[in-house]
């Protein structure tokens, strides 16, 4: 790579990272739309930047172009996802960039949405705009794992969250479980909920713990009123629960709670995408439900909050799976680990 090419590569990475930081500002509010950021640069100077705050509102490029004004002409636009080419609730962003006279567009990754899928880039190139694709693609894609997967497969990105002791126990034999992990770990879970379109739990968890499973933290960096509360899905094959305004169970007092009474979890996930536009799903449930999702290979990411305590052999196991041999074991790859307060947060991907 020549010196000039190396400098251009470094500059592209720098400004795309800034665009990713812009996109993060909409992470908890854009659902079901993807979180997107845009930075417009003229002669090495940022002249406009913006992010997509909410479905139905202007996209990131529009905010950035408005800020840039006439300085967008012959500038470079850095966008974390391919500019849209279709008219939805807002006009096509590719045309807005063309009309503004930008000279070059740098895109982190293509949009797999069938309504876009390369058409945005094609429009830009047909207008004589230079397009560079693939700058910090992995980092940008991490913000929209659910959207990208759903557009490609019609299935959501599924995270399974488990809070456990050092010896892999989630509750005492009596069912007592509040609290194994500390306040910092519970606050971290609020971020997982805030970016999830749906939370899946089991009827046993609802009856035992009477959880709210809502987003209530004021430390997300956004107005809590702007965060869409996730749809709660209760797996209830024995039909023990339903809507009841006077119920002792908080989730049964909410008409929007969805009760799933079939065995087919794959059909549930497909329906969450097609009917509810839930592209990221968080499973917060007991050992049986966790085991079902894992054994059916429906989990994209396993997140374990491990507390520095031992609950003993009589306590409840974290997952109900019963492989008959080592050959049938469920194996995972560590992707991240960090201390969250006094607990260890481990993120894994199934192999």
Protein backbone atom coordinates (compact mmCIF):
# COMPACT_ATOMS: atom_id res chain seq x y z
CA UNK A 1 0.00 0.00 0.00
CA UNK A 2 1.42 3.37 -1.03
CA UNK A 3 1.85 6.22 1.44
CA UNK A 4 -1.11 8.10 -0.06
CA UNK A 5 -3.31 4.99 -0.02
CA UNK A 6 -2.28 4.28 3.55
CA UNK A 7 -3.17 7.83 4.58
CA UNK A 8 -6.54 7.54 2.84
CA UNK A 9 -7.20 4.20 4.56
CA UNK A 10 -6.35 5.67 7.96
CA UNK A 11 -8.54 8.70 7.32
CA UNK A 12 -11.45 6.52 6.21
CA UNK A 13 -11.16 4.40 9.34
CA UNK A 14 -11.05 7.49 11.56
CA UNK A 15 -14.12 9.16 10.14
CA UNK A 16 -16.06 5.90 9.91
CA UNK A 17 -15.38 5.30 13.60
CA UNK A 18 -16.88 8.72 14.29
CA UNK A 19 -19.92 7.76 12.19
CA UNK A 20 -20.27 4.58 14.25
CA UNK A 21 -20.21 6.68 17.41
CA UNK A 22 -23.02 8.75 15.91
CA UNK A 23 -25.01 5.59 15.15
CA UNK A 24 -24.70 4.41 18.75
CA UNK A 25 -26.80 7.38 19.86
CA UNK A 26 -29.84 5.75 18.25
CA UNK A 27 -29.14 2.22 19.45
CA UNK A 28 -32.01 2.12 21.96
CA UNK A 29 -34.57 4.22 20.07
CA UNK A 30 -34.53 3.27 16.37
CA UNK A 31 -36.30 -0.10 16.51
CA UNK A 32 -37.28 -1.67 14.22
CA UNK A 33 -35.02 0.43 11.99
CA UNK A 34 -31.25 -0.07 12.13
CA UNK A 35 -29.00 2.33 14.02
CA UNK A 36 -27.13 4.41 11.43
CA UNK A 37 -24.66 7.29 11.65
CA UNK A 38 -23.26 9.66 9.06
CA UNK A 39 -20.31 12.08 9.04
CA UNK A 40 -19.63 14.49 6.17
CA UNK A 41 -16.06 15.68 5.64
CA UNK A 42 -14.83 18.56 3.49
CA UNK A 43 -11.05 18.96 3.06
CA UNK A 44 -10.37 16.96 6.23
CA UNK A 45 -12.87 18.93 8.32
CA UNK A 46 -16.17 17.57 9.66
CA UNK A 47 -18.93 19.81 8.30
CA UNK A 48 -21.95 17.68 9.19
CA UNK A 49 -22.91 14.68 11.27
CA UNK A 50 -26.05 12.94 12.39
CA UNK A 51 -27.78 9.71 13.35
CA UNK A 52 -31.16 8.11 12.82
CA UNK A 53 -33.05 8.69 16.09
CA UNK A 54 -36.35 6.93 15.50
CA UNK A 55 -38.44 5.13 12.87
CA UNK A 56 -40.43 7.66 10.88
CA UNK A 57 -37.92 10.45 11.49
CA UNK A 58 -35.22 11.51 8.99
CA UNK A 59 -32.28 9.19 8.46
CA UNK A 60 -28.71 9.92 9.51
CA UNK A 61 -27.69 11.29 6.10
CA UNK A 62 -30.46 13.90 6.16
CA UNK A 63 -29.39 15.30 9.53
CA UNK A 64 -25.74 15.37 8.44
CA UNK A 65 -26.52 17.05 5.11
CA UNK A 66 -28.69 19.68 6.80
CA UNK A 67 -25.84 20.53 9.15
CA UNK A 68 -23.31 20.62 6.31
CA UNK A 69 -25.44 22.85 4.05
CA UNK A 70 -23.60 23.99 0.91
CA UNK A 71 -20.31 22.56 2.26
CA UNK A 72 -21.60 19.09 1.38
CA UNK A 73 -20.78 19.82 -2.27
CA UNK A 74 -17.74 17.76 -3.35
CA UNK A 75 -17.40 16.42 0.21
CA UNK A 76 -17.04 12.83 1.40
CA UNK A 77 -19.90 11.20 3.31
CA UNK A 78 -19.16 8.36 5.72
CA UNK A 79 -22.23 6.20 6.38
CA UNK A 80 -22.40 3.09 8.59
CA UNK A 81 -24.99 1.35 6.38
CA UNK A 82 -25.75 1.60 2.67
CA UNK A 83 -27.95 4.66 1.99
CA UNK A 84 -31.54 3.67 1.25
CA UNK A 85 -32.83 3.82 -2.32
CA UNK A 86 -36.58 3.49 -1.74
CA UNK A 87 -39.29 5.82 -0.50
CA UNK A 88 -40.77 4.69 2.79
CA UNK A 89 -41.82 7.06 5.53
CA UNK A 90 -38.84 9.17 4.42
CA UNK A 91 -37.35 9.91 0.95
CA UNK A 92 -34.35 7.94 -0.39
CA UNK A 93 -31.07 8.99 1.25
CA UNK A 94 -29.05 8.02 -1.83
CA UNK A 95 -30.89 10.72 -3.80
CA UNK A 96 -30.34 13.25 -1.01
CA UNK A 97 -26.59 12.64 -1.21
CA UNK A 98 -26.69 12.99 -5.00
CA UNK A 99 -28.70 16.21 -4.84
CA UNK A 100 -26.25 17.65 -2.29
CA UNK A 101 -23.38 17.11 -4.72
CA UNK A 102 -21.17 14.90 -2.56
CA UNK A 103 -18.12 13.61 -4.39
CA UNK A 104 -17.48 10.36 -2.54
CA UNK A 105 -19.45 8.07 -0.24
CA UNK A 106 -17.75 5.60 2.11
CA UNK A 107 -20.06 2.83 3.33
CA UNK A 108 -19.30 0.39 6.13
CA UNK A 109 -21.60 -2.35 4.81
CA UNK A 110 -24.37 -3.06 2.32
CA UNK A 111 -27.97 -3.19 3.47
CA UNK A 112 -29.43 -6.73 3.00
CA UNK A 113 -32.98 -5.33 3.11
CA UNK A 114 -34.52 -6.49 -0.20
CA UNK A 115 -35.76 -2.93 -0.76
CA UNK A 116 -32.16 -1.70 -0.78
CA UNK A 117 -29.65 -4.57 -1.30
CA UNK A 118 -27.10 -2.70 -3.41
CA UNK A 119 -29.53 -0.34 -5.11
CA UNK A 120 -28.41 2.60 -3.00
CA UNK A 121 -24.80 2.12 -4.07
CA UNK A 122 -25.88 1.65 -7.69
CA UNK A 123 -27.76 4.97 -7.65
CA UNK A 124 -24.71 6.76 -6.27
CA UNK A 125 -22.35 5.24 -8.84
CA UNK A 126 -24.75 5.99 -11.69
CA UNK A 127 -24.61 9.63 -10.61
CA UNK A 128 -20.81 9.57 -10.91
CA UNK A 129 -20.12 9.42 -7.17
CA UNK A 130 -17.13 7.36 -6.05
CA UNK A 131 -18.24 4.67 -3.57
CA UNK A 132 -15.99 2.75 -1.17
CA UNK A 133 -17.52 -0.25 0.64
CA UNK A 134 -16.32 -2.28 3.63
CA UNK A 135 -14.64 0.27 5.91
CA UNK A 136 -14.99 -0.97 9.54
CA UNK A 137 -17.79 -3.23 8.36
CA UNK A 138 -17.61 -5.61 11.33
CA UNK A 139 -17.71 -2.81 13.90
CA UNK A 140 -20.68 -1.17 12.20
CA UNK A 141 -22.53 -4.46 11.78
CA UNK A 142 -22.26 -5.17 15.52
CA UNK A 143 -24.77 -2.38 16.13
CA UNK A 144 -27.42 -4.04 13.98
CA UNK A 145 -26.95 -7.78 14.40
CA UNK A 146 -30.69 -8.39 14.57
CA UNK A 147 -31.68 -6.24 11.61
CA UNK A 148 -28.96 -7.71 9.39
CA UNK A 149 -29.79 -11.31 10.32
CA UNK A 150 -33.54 -10.80 9.96
CA UNK A 151 -33.18 -9.26 6.51
CA UNK A 152 -31.07 -12.22 5.39
CA UNK A 153 -32.83 -15.14 7.11
CA UNK A 154 -36.21 -13.89 8.41
CA UNK A 155 -35.07 -14.95 11.89
CA UNK A 156 -34.05 -12.69 14.79
CA UNK A 157 -30.69 -12.52 16.52
CA UNK A 158 -31.23 -14.43 19.77
CA UNK A 159 -29.34 -13.66 22.96
CA UNK A 160 -29.68 -16.01 25.93
CA UNK A 161 -28.89 -14.32 29.25
CA UNK A 162 -28.09 -16.35 32.38
CA UNK A 163 -27.06 -15.17 35.86
CA UNK A 164 -25.17 -17.90 37.66
CA UNK A 165 -22.88 -18.76 40.54
CA UNK A 166 -19.33 -20.06 40.16
CA UNK A 167 -20.69 -23.60 40.27
CA UNK A 168 -23.25 -22.99 37.54
CA UNK A 169 -26.33 -22.56 39.73
CA UNK A 170 -29.07 -20.00 39.20
CA UNK A 171 -31.24 -20.37 42.32
CA UNK A 172 -31.47 -22.25 45.57
CA UNK A 173 -33.47 -25.48 45.62
CA UNK A 174 -36.34 -23.47 47.14
CA UNK A 175 -36.33 -21.16 44.11
CA UNK A 176 -34.77 -18.23 45.95
CA UNK A 177 -32.63 -16.31 43.47
CA UNK A 178 -32.71 -12.58 44.25
CA UNK A 179 -30.02 -11.52 43.88
CA UNK A 180 -27.13 -13.74 42.77
CA UNK A 181 -25.44 -11.00 40.78
CA UNK A 182 -24.84 -7.40 41.82
CA UNK A 183 -26.42 -4.09 40.87
CA UNK A 184 -23.91 -3.38 38.08
CA UNK A 185 -24.74 -6.64 36.30
CA UNK A 186 -28.45 -5.96 36.59
CA UNK A 187 -27.91 -2.49 35.13
CA UNK A 188 -26.00 -4.06 32.25
CA UNK A 189 -28.97 -6.32 31.53
CA UNK A 190 -31.07 -3.17 31.13
CA UNK A 191 -28.96 -2.33 28.08
CA UNK A 192 -29.63 -5.76 26.60
CA UNK A 193 -33.36 -5.28 27.14
CA UNK A 194 -33.30 -1.78 25.67
CA UNK A 195 -31.95 -3.01 22.35
CA UNK A 196 -34.27 -6.04 22.20
CA UNK A 197 -37.54 -6.09 20.31
CA UNK A 198 -38.82 -8.97 22.43
CA UNK A 199 -38.00 -10.77 25.67
CA UNK A 200 -38.90 -14.45 25.95
CA UNK A 201 -39.49 -16.06 29.32
CA UNK A 202 -41.22 -19.15 30.66
CA UNK A 203 -44.36 -19.50 32.74
CA UNK A 204 -42.29 -21.06 35.54
CA UNK A 205 -40.11 -17.94 35.74
CA UNK A 206 -43.16 -15.69 35.73
CA UNK A 207 -44.85 -17.65 38.53
CA UNK A 208 -41.68 -18.00 40.62
CA UNK A 209 -40.28 -14.47 40.27
CA UNK A 210 -43.19 -12.26 39.06
CA UNK A 211 -40.74 -10.19 36.97
CA UNK A 212 -41.47 -6.96 35.08
CA UNK A 213 -38.95 -7.65 32.28
CA UNK A 214 -39.08 -4.01 31.21
CA UNK A 215 -36.58 -1.26 30.54
CA UNK A 216 -36.50 1.08 33.52
CA UNK A 217 -32.91 2.27 33.85
CA UNK A 218 -32.29 6.02 33.69
CA UNK A 219 -28.61 5.43 32.85
CA UNK A 220 -28.92 4.48 29.16
CA UNK A 221 -27.91 7.91 27.93
CA UNK A 222 -31.33 8.55 26.36
CA UNK A 223 -34.74 9.66 27.57
CA UNK A 224 -36.35 6.48 28.91
CA UNK A 225 -39.65 7.61 27.36
CA UNK A 226 -38.05 7.34 23.90
CA UNK A 227 -37.15 3.67 24.40
CA UNK A 228 -39.65 1.18 22.99
CA UNK A 229 -40.52 -1.31 25.72
CA UNK A 230 -39.80 -4.83 24.42
CA UNK A 231 -42.67 -7.19 23.72
CA UNK A 232 -42.76 -9.89 26.41
CA UNK A 233 -43.44 -13.44 25.23
CA UNK A 234 -44.37 -16.07 27.83
CA UNK A 235 -43.93 -19.72 26.88
CA UNK A 236 -47.02 -21.32 28.42
CA UNK A 237 -47.65 -24.77 26.98
CA UNK A 238 -49.78 -25.76 29.99
CA UNK A 239 -51.97 -22.67 29.53
CA UNK A 240 -51.68 -21.55 33.12
CA UNK A 241 -51.57 -17.83 32.34
CA UNK A 242 -53.46 -15.18 30.39
CA UNK A 243 -54.39 -11.51 30.54
CA UNK A 244 -56.04 -10.53 33.82
CA UNK A 245 -56.04 -6.91 34.95
CA UNK A 246 -56.34 -8.06 38.56
CA UNK A 247 -53.67 -10.76 38.36
CA UNK A 248 -50.94 -10.95 40.97
CA UNK A 249 -48.47 -11.40 38.12
CA UNK A 250 -47.38 -8.08 36.66
CA UNK A 251 -46.96 -9.36 33.11
CA UNK A 252 -50.49 -10.81 33.12
CA UNK A 253 -51.83 -7.32 33.77
CA UNK A 254 -50.49 -6.17 30.39
CA UNK A 255 -52.65 -6.85 27.35
CA UNK A 256 -49.65 -6.69 25.03
CA UNK A 257 -47.96 -9.71 26.66
CA UNK A 258 -47.89 -12.55 24.13
CA UNK A 259 -48.51 -16.14 25.27
CA UNK A 260 -46.97 -18.89 23.14
CA UNK A 261 -48.50 -22.31 23.74
CA UNK A 262 -46.87 -24.38 21.02
CA UNK A 263 -43.70 -26.48 21.13
CA UNK A 264 -42.27 -25.01 17.93
CA UNK A 265 -39.83 -22.28 19.00
CA UNK A 266 -38.58 -21.76 15.44
CA UNK A 267 -42.10 -20.77 14.33
CA UNK A 268 -42.28 -18.33 17.24
CA UNK A 269 -39.03 -16.66 16.18
CA UNK A 270 -40.20 -16.41 12.56
CA UNK A 271 -43.46 -14.81 13.67
CA UNK A 272 -41.66 -12.32 15.86
CA UNK A 273 -39.84 -11.10 12.76
CA UNK A 274 -42.68 -11.23 10.23
CA UNK A 275 -45.53 -9.99 12.42
CA UNK A 276 -43.86 -7.93 15.16
CA UNK A 277 -40.64 -6.70 13.48
CA UNK A 278 -38.67 -7.95 16.49
CA UNK A 279 -35.18 -8.42 15.12
CA UNK A 280 -33.25 -8.84 18.39
CA UNK A 281 -34.64 -11.22 21.00
CA UNK A 282 -33.47 -11.70 24.58
CA UNK A 283 -34.25 -14.95 26.38
CA UNK A 284 -34.50 -14.48 30.16
CA UNK A 285 -35.85 -17.74 31.52
CA UNK A 286 -35.19 -20.79 33.63
CA UNK A 287 -33.12 -23.88 32.96
CA UNK A 288 -35.77 -25.69 30.89
CA UNK A 289 -36.38 -22.87 28.42
CA UNK A 290 -32.66 -22.08 28.22
CA UNK A 291 -31.95 -25.74 27.48
CA UNK A 292 -34.61 -25.84 24.77
CA UNK A 293 -33.17 -22.87 22.92
CA UNK A 294 -29.63 -24.21 23.17
CA UNK A 295 -30.41 -27.81 22.22
CA UNK A 296 -32.43 -26.62 19.20
CA UNK A 297 -29.50 -24.42 18.11
CA UNK A 298 -31.56 -21.23 18.20
CA UNK A 299 -29.10 -19.13 20.22
CA UNK A 300 -26.73 -16.72 18.47
CA UNK A 301 -25.10 -15.38 21.63
CA UNK A 302 -24.89 -16.69 25.19
CA UNK A 303 -24.29 -14.05 27.86
CA UNK A 304 -23.41 -15.35 31.33
CA UNK A 305 -23.13 -13.10 34.38
CA UNK A 306 -21.12 -15.17 36.84
CA UNK A 307 -21.20 -14.11 40.48
CA UNK A 308 -18.26 -14.95 42.79
CA UNK A 309 -20.29 -17.28 44.98
CA UNK A 310 -21.06 -20.99 45.35
CA UNK A 311 -24.65 -22.18 45.87
CA UNK A 312 -23.98 -25.91 46.20
CA UNK A 313 -25.06 -29.13 44.54
CA UNK A 314 -28.70 -28.90 45.68
CA UNK A 315 -29.24 -25.54 43.96
CA UNK A 316 -30.87 -25.28 40.55
CA UNK A 317 -28.74 -25.84 37.45
CA UNK A 318 -28.33 -23.06 34.87
CA UNK A 319 -29.43 -25.16 31.88
CA UNK A 320 -31.45 -28.33 31.45
CA UNK A 321 -29.59 -30.34 28.84
CA UNK A 322 -28.60 -33.96 29.14
CA UNK A 323 -25.99 -35.04 26.60
CA UNK A 324 -25.32 -38.76 26.85
CA UNK A 325 -21.66 -38.52 25.89
CA UNK A 326 -18.86 -35.99 25.44
CA UNK A 327 -19.50 -36.16 21.71
CA UNK A 328 -22.93 -34.61 22.33
CA UNK A 329 -21.72 -31.78 24.55
CA UNK A 330 -22.68 -28.21 23.71
CA UNK A 331 -19.52 -26.23 23.00
CA UNK A 332 -18.97 -22.50 22.77
CA UNK A 333 -16.36 -19.96 21.77
CA UNK A 334 -15.45 -17.11 24.10
CA UNK A 335 -15.87 -13.77 22.33
CA UNK A 336 -15.69 -11.27 25.23
CA UNK A 337 -15.25 -11.18 28.97
CA UNK A 338 -15.20 -8.27 31.41
CA UNK A 339 -15.77 -7.44 35.04
CA UNK A 340 -19.13 -5.78 35.64
CA UNK A 341 -19.06 -4.63 39.23
CA UNK A 342 -18.04 -7.71 41.21
CA UNK A 343 -19.38 -10.14 38.58
CA UNK A 344 -17.79 -11.60 35.46
CA UNK A 345 -19.68 -11.06 32.21
CA UNK A 346 -18.85 -13.73 29.64
CA UNK A 347 -20.09 -13.54 26.07
CA UNK A 348 -19.96 -16.73 24.00
CA UNK A 349 -21.05 -18.00 20.61
CA UNK A 350 -22.20 -21.59 20.07
CA UNK A 351 -19.90 -23.66 17.87
